[in-house]
Every structure is written in C-alpha cells, then in structure tokens.
Amino acid sequence: MRYLCIFAAALSLVGCIKNAPGVTAPSLERLQGQWVAINYWAQWCAPCIKEIPELNRLDQDYASVTVVGVNYDGVSGEELALQRQKVGAAFASLEEDPAAQLGVPRPVVLPTTLILDPTGRLAATLVGPQTLASLVQVTQQELNEGSH
C-alpha cells in the first residue's frame, strides 16, 4: 500500500511538471530575444508564495516574457520539484543561481526578481512581492484585457 501511495504521488507530480514549461529552465543565453524575469523564492517566504500566481500569469499570458525561478535555498532534483508543486510555481527553475553570471550580488531580500531585457542586459531589480501590473510595466508589455 505504501508503494502505491508513493507511485500515485509521483504520477501526480509528473502531471504537474508536464503542464509546466519544465522543472529545469533553458540557459539564459537561449532565452535572449525575449524579456526574462528571474525570481528568487523560498517555500518558507510568505510574500514569495503570494507573488507566485502573478509570476505564473506573466509567464503563461505574455509570449515575449519568460519567467524562471531560483530556489533561494539551493534545493534541486526531486526536492525542488516538490517545493515548486507546494508553492504552485508553474514556471521553470534554474538549477544554478545566475547572480554571478549576471555580475550582480545574490539577493538578500525575498522575493527579488531580476528583469533581463531581450538583449540579456539587466534592466531592473525588483525587491519585494510584485503584481502582474508591475511586472507587465517593467517588461514593457501591454496589460492584457481581463487581467487583474
């Protein structure tokens, strides 16, 4: 019975992962040509959890913007997949913290979102929870009708 429960949980997790762009995001270089929002989050961060639905909507509703997450605690593999599911993150996650690659310090406040413009240049650092409207504005998108 125990193994049946584990198998069922694994199947439900695979279903969630399949619906997401992927647990692991493509490299930042492959994302050039579009806006990229790199969100630092943790499962223990209440403002992060509150912000995740806004990031999901940005990622799903705006084709020229890709949202990728960075787990602040550095978890990976199955633990990362479980935490993503727990907080409802539908966007992909980077396996490694890109701060050094971008030439910026690792954030010390959560949530923090780094915004890269289509050329790959850091355009903004947003500290604290964001709304869909603030994310749309900083990524120079038009707010879709019907969005809150």
C-alpha atoms as a PDB file:
ATOM      1  CA  MET A   1       0.000   0.000   0.000  1.00  0.00           C
ATOM      2  CA  ARG A   2       2.818   2.386   0.876  1.00  0.00           C
ATOM      3  CA  TYR A   3       4.405   1.916  -2.555  1.00  0.00           C
ATOM      4  CA  LEU A   4       1.047   2.504  -4.228  1.00  0.00           C
ATOM      5  CA  CYS A   5       0.746   5.854  -2.427  1.00  0.00           C
ATOM      6  CA  ILE A   6       4.284   6.829  -3.455  1.00  0.00           C
ATOM      7  CA  PHE A   7       3.569   5.803  -7.060  1.00  0.00           C
ATOM      8  CA  ALA A   8       0.327   7.837  -7.106  1.00  0.00           C
ATOM      9  CA  ALA A   9       2.130  10.867  -5.665  1.00  0.00           C
ATOM     10  CA  ALA A  10       4.881  10.525  -8.274  1.00  0.00           C
ATOM     11  CA  LEU A  11       2.316  10.319 -11.082  1.00  0.00           C
ATOM     12  CA  SER A  12       0.544  13.436  -9.871  1.00  0.00           C
ATOM     13  CA  LEU A  13       3.893  15.225  -9.659  1.00  0.00           C
ATOM     14  CA  VAL A  14       4.763  14.187 -13.215  1.00  0.00           C
ATOM     15  CA  GLY A  15       1.408  15.551 -14.348  1.00  0.00           C
ATOM     16  CA  CYS A  16       2.144  18.902 -12.748  1.00  0.00           C
ATOM     17  CA  ILE A  17       5.630  19.007 -14.210  1.00  0.00           C
ATOM     18  CA  LYS A  18       4.355  18.096 -17.671  1.00  0.00           C
ATOM     19  CA  ASN A  19       1.978  21.063 -17.618  1.00  0.00           C
ATOM     20  CA  ALA A  20       4.781  23.410 -16.618  1.00  0.00           C
ATOM     21  CA  PRO A  21       7.385  24.589 -19.139  1.00  0.00           C
ATOM     22  CA  GLY A  22       9.766  22.273 -17.315  1.00  0.00           C
ATOM     23  CA  VAL A  23      11.419  21.917 -13.973  1.00  0.00           C
ATOM     24  CA  THR A  24      14.723  22.987 -15.439  1.00  0.00           C
ATOM     25  CA  ALA A  25      14.799  26.165 -17.481  1.00  0.00           C
ATOM     26  CA  PRO A  26      16.901  26.546 -20.590  1.00  0.00           C
ATOM     27  CA  SER A  27      20.125  28.503 -20.190  1.00  0.00           C
ATOM     28  CA  LEU A  28      19.844  32.281 -20.020  1.00  0.00           C
ATOM     29  CA  GLU A  29      21.716  32.548 -23.316  1.00  0.00           C
ATOM     30  CA  ARG A  30      18.970  30.554 -25.035  1.00  0.00           C
ATOM     31  CA  LEU A  31      16.369  32.977 -23.672  1.00  0.00           C
ATOM     32  CA  GLN A  32      17.896  36.046 -25.355  1.00  0.00           C
ATOM     33  CA  GLY A  33      15.467  37.788 -27.658  1.00  0.00           C
ATOM     34  CA  GLN A  34      12.755  37.944 -25.017  1.00  0.00           C
ATOM     35  CA  TRP A  35      12.230  39.505 -21.623  1.00  0.00           C
ATOM     36  CA  VAL A  36      13.275  37.251 -18.738  1.00  0.00           C
ATOM     37  CA  ALA A  37      12.078  37.545 -15.141  1.00  0.00           C
ATOM     38  CA  ILE A  38      14.371  35.643 -12.755  1.00  0.00           C
ATOM     39  CA  ASN A  39      12.512  35.218  -9.487  1.00  0.00           C
ATOM     40  CA  TYR A  40      14.243  34.236  -6.234  1.00  0.00           C
ATOM     41  CA  TRP A  41      11.808  32.417  -3.937  1.00  0.00           C
ATOM     42  CA  ALA A  42      11.699  30.053  -0.976  1.00  0.00           C
ATOM     43  CA  GLN A  43       8.922  27.835   0.352  1.00  0.00           C
ATOM     44  CA  TRP A  44       9.158  29.490   3.791  1.00  0.00           C
ATOM     45  CA  CYS A  45       8.740  33.016   2.329  1.00  0.00           C
ATOM     46  CA  ALA A  46       5.089  34.106   2.602  1.00  0.00           C
ATOM     47  CA  PRO A  47       5.481  37.117   0.235  1.00  0.00           C
ATOM     48  CA  CYS A  48       7.105  34.779  -2.327  1.00  0.00           C
ATOM     49  CA  ILE A  49       4.149  32.415  -2.190  1.00  0.00           C
ATOM     50  CA  LYS A  50       1.730  35.334  -2.550  1.00  0.00           C
ATOM     51  CA  GLU A  51       3.632  36.551  -5.635  1.00  0.00           C
ATOM     52  CA  ILE A  52       3.859  33.199  -7.459  1.00  0.00           C
ATOM     53  CA  PRO A  53       0.372  33.362  -9.073  1.00  0.00           C
ATOM     54  CA  GLU A  54       1.314  36.751 -10.558  1.00  0.00           C
ATOM     55  CA  LEU A  55       4.517  35.279 -11.989  1.00  0.00           C
ATOM     56  CA  ASN A  56       2.607  32.257 -13.339  1.00  0.00           C
ATOM     57  CA  ARG A  57       0.204  34.584 -15.162  1.00  0.00           C
ATOM     58  CA  LEU A  58       3.059  36.649 -16.584  1.00  0.00           C
ATOM     59  CA  ASP A  59       4.777  33.507 -17.855  1.00  0.00           C
ATOM     60  CA  GLN A  60       1.594  31.983 -19.286  1.00  0.00           C
ATOM     61  CA  ASP A  61      -0.134  35.070 -20.722  1.00  0.00           C
ATOM     62  CA  TYR A  62       2.778  37.037 -22.223  1.00  0.00           C
ATOM     63  CA  ALA A  63       4.611  35.189 -25.002  1.00  0.00           C
ATOM     64  CA  SER A  64       7.541  37.637 -25.101  1.00  0.00           C
ATOM     65  CA  VAL A  65       8.313  37.149 -21.381  1.00  0.00           C
ATOM     66  CA  THR A  66       9.773  34.023 -19.763  1.00  0.00           C
ATOM     67  CA  VAL A  67       9.731  33.591 -16.003  1.00  0.00           C
ATOM     68  CA  VAL A  68      12.311  31.341 -14.365  1.00  0.00           C
ATOM     69  CA  GLY A  69      12.711  30.671 -10.687  1.00  0.00           C
ATOM     70  CA  VAL A  70      15.728  30.325  -8.449  1.00  0.00           C
ATOM     71  CA  ASN A  71      15.155  28.440  -5.224  1.00  0.00           C
ATOM     72  CA  TYR A  72      16.882  30.575  -2.605  1.00  0.00           C
ATOM     73  CA  ASP A  73      17.799  27.531  -0.522  1.00  0.00           C
ATOM     74  CA  GLY A  74      19.535  25.871  -3.478  1.00  0.00           C
ATOM     75  CA  VAL A  75      17.490  22.677  -3.468  1.00  0.00           C
ATOM     76  CA  SER A  76      17.439  20.630  -6.663  1.00  0.00           C
ATOM     77  CA  GLY A  77      16.053  17.464  -8.160  1.00  0.00           C
ATOM     78  CA  GLU A  78      13.069  15.834  -6.508  1.00  0.00           C
ATOM     79  CA  GLU A  79      13.098  18.242  -3.546  1.00  0.00           C
ATOM     80  CA  LEU A  80      12.910  21.226  -5.926  1.00  0.00           C
ATOM     81  CA  ALA A  81      10.018  19.615  -7.816  1.00  0.00           C
ATOM     82  CA  LEU A  82       8.168  19.005  -4.536  1.00  0.00           C
ATOM     83  CA  GLN A  83       8.707  22.577  -3.332  1.00  0.00           C
ATOM     84  CA  ARG A  84       7.627  24.002  -6.703  1.00  0.00           C
ATOM     85  CA  GLN A  85       4.452  21.934  -6.504  1.00  0.00           C
ATOM     86  CA  LYS A  86       3.826  23.004  -2.893  1.00  0.00           C
ATOM     87  CA  VAL A  87       4.041  26.731  -3.726  1.00  0.00           C
ATOM     88  CA  GLY A  88       2.261  26.357  -7.082  1.00  0.00           C
ATOM     89  CA  ALA A  89       5.122  27.534  -9.315  1.00  0.00           C
ATOM     90  CA  ALA A  90       4.188  26.684 -12.910  1.00  0.00           C
ATOM     91  CA  PHE A  91       7.283  28.361 -14.376  1.00  0.00           C
ATOM     92  CA  ALA A  92      10.600  26.567 -14.850  1.00  0.00           C
ATOM     93  CA  SER A  93      13.538  26.800 -12.453  1.00  0.00           C
ATOM     94  CA  LEU A  94      17.228  27.401 -12.994  1.00  0.00           C
ATOM     95  CA  GLU A  95      19.462  24.729 -11.493  1.00  0.00           C
ATOM     96  CA  GLU A  96      22.136  27.274 -10.561  1.00  0.00           C
ATOM     97  CA  ASP A  97      21.950  30.787  -9.187  1.00  0.00           C
ATOM     98  CA  PRO A  98      22.709  33.145 -12.115  1.00  0.00           C
ATOM     99  CA  ALA A  99      23.743  36.143  -9.961  1.00  0.00           C
ATOM    100  CA  ALA A 100      27.494  35.673 -10.532  1.00  0.00           C
ATOM    101  CA  GLN A 101      26.968  35.119 -14.273  1.00  0.00           C
ATOM    102  CA  LEU A 102      24.989  38.372 -14.404  1.00  0.00           C
ATOM    103  CA  GLY A 103      27.578  40.242 -12.338  1.00  0.00           C
ATOM    104  CA  VAL A 104      25.158  41.079  -9.521  1.00  0.00           C
ATOM    105  CA  PRO A 105      25.204  40.155  -5.838  1.00  0.00           C
ATOM    106  CA  ARG A 106      22.958  37.346  -4.649  1.00  0.00           C
ATOM    107  CA  PRO A 107      19.733  38.886  -3.310  1.00  0.00           C
ATOM    108  CA  VAL A 108      19.395  39.147   0.466  1.00  0.00           C
ATOM    109  CA  VAL A 109      15.687  40.045   0.497  1.00  0.00           C
ATOM    110  CA  LEU A 110      12.952  37.732  -0.752  1.00  0.00           C
ATOM    111  CA  PRO A 111      11.268  37.823  -3.080  1.00  0.00           C
ATOM    112  CA  THR A 112      13.611  39.507  -5.537  1.00  0.00           C
ATOM    113  CA  THR A 113      13.078  39.467  -9.293  1.00  0.00           C
ATOM    114  CA  LEU A 114      15.784  40.327 -11.798  1.00  0.00           C
ATOM    115  CA  ILE A 115      14.465  41.554 -15.150  1.00  0.00           C
ATOM    116  CA  LEU A 116      16.602  40.965 -18.230  1.00  0.00           C
ATOM    117  CA  ASP A 117      15.766  42.814 -21.442  1.00  0.00           C
ATOM    118  CA  PRO A 118      15.731  40.976 -24.799  1.00  0.00           C
ATOM    119  CA  THR A 119      19.462  41.645 -25.264  1.00  0.00           C
ATOM    120  CA  GLY A 120      20.214  39.824 -21.978  1.00  0.00           C
ATOM    121  CA  ARG A 121      21.081  43.035 -20.089  1.00  0.00           C
ATOM    122  CA  LEU A 122      19.855  43.501 -16.518  1.00  0.00           C
ATOM    123  CA  ALA A 123      17.080  46.076 -16.877  1.00  0.00           C
ATOM    124  CA  ALA A 124      15.674  46.112 -13.326  1.00  0.00           C
ATOM    125  CA  THR A 125      15.917  44.567  -9.878  1.00  0.00           C
ATOM    126  CA  LEU A 126      12.543  44.341  -8.162  1.00  0.00           C
ATOM    127  CA  VAL A 127      12.636  43.788  -4.402  1.00  0.00           C
ATOM    128  CA  GLY A 128       9.520  42.603  -2.630  1.00  0.00           C
ATOM    129  CA  PRO A 129       6.364  40.990  -3.985  1.00  0.00           C
ATOM    130  CA  GLN A 130       5.207  42.185  -7.397  1.00  0.00           C
ATOM    131  CA  THR A 131       1.817  42.325  -9.063  1.00  0.00           C
ATOM    132  CA  LEU A 132       1.063  41.329 -12.620  1.00  0.00           C
ATOM    133  CA  ALA A 133       0.647  45.027 -13.442  1.00  0.00           C
ATOM    134  CA  SER A 134       4.102  45.948 -12.082  1.00  0.00           C
ATOM    135  CA  LEU A 135       5.727  43.018 -13.905  1.00  0.00           C
ATOM    136  CA  VAL A 136       3.968  43.898 -17.162  1.00  0.00           C
ATOM    137  CA  GLN A 137       5.071  47.519 -16.841  1.00  0.00           C
ATOM    138  CA  VAL A 138       8.750  46.770 -16.204  1.00  0.00           C
ATOM    139  CA  THR A 139       8.849  44.271 -19.102  1.00  0.00           C
ATOM    140  CA  GLN A 140       7.251  46.865 -21.385  1.00  0.00           C
ATOM    141  CA  GLN A 141       4.214  44.740 -22.206  1.00  0.00           C
ATOM    142  CA  GLU A 142       0.611  45.816 -22.742  1.00  0.00           C
ATOM    143  CA  LEU A 143      -1.629  44.735 -19.871  1.00  0.00           C
ATOM    144  CA  ASN A 144      -3.995  42.130 -21.356  1.00  0.00           C
ATOM    145  CA  GLU A 145      -7.685  42.919 -21.024  1.00  0.00           C
ATOM    146  CA  GLY A 146      -9.251  40.700 -18.421  1.00  0.00           C
ATOM    147  CA  SER A 147      -6.076  40.682 -16.302  1.00  0.00           C
ATOM    148  CA  HIS A 148      -6.498  41.832 -12.721  1.00  0.00           C
END
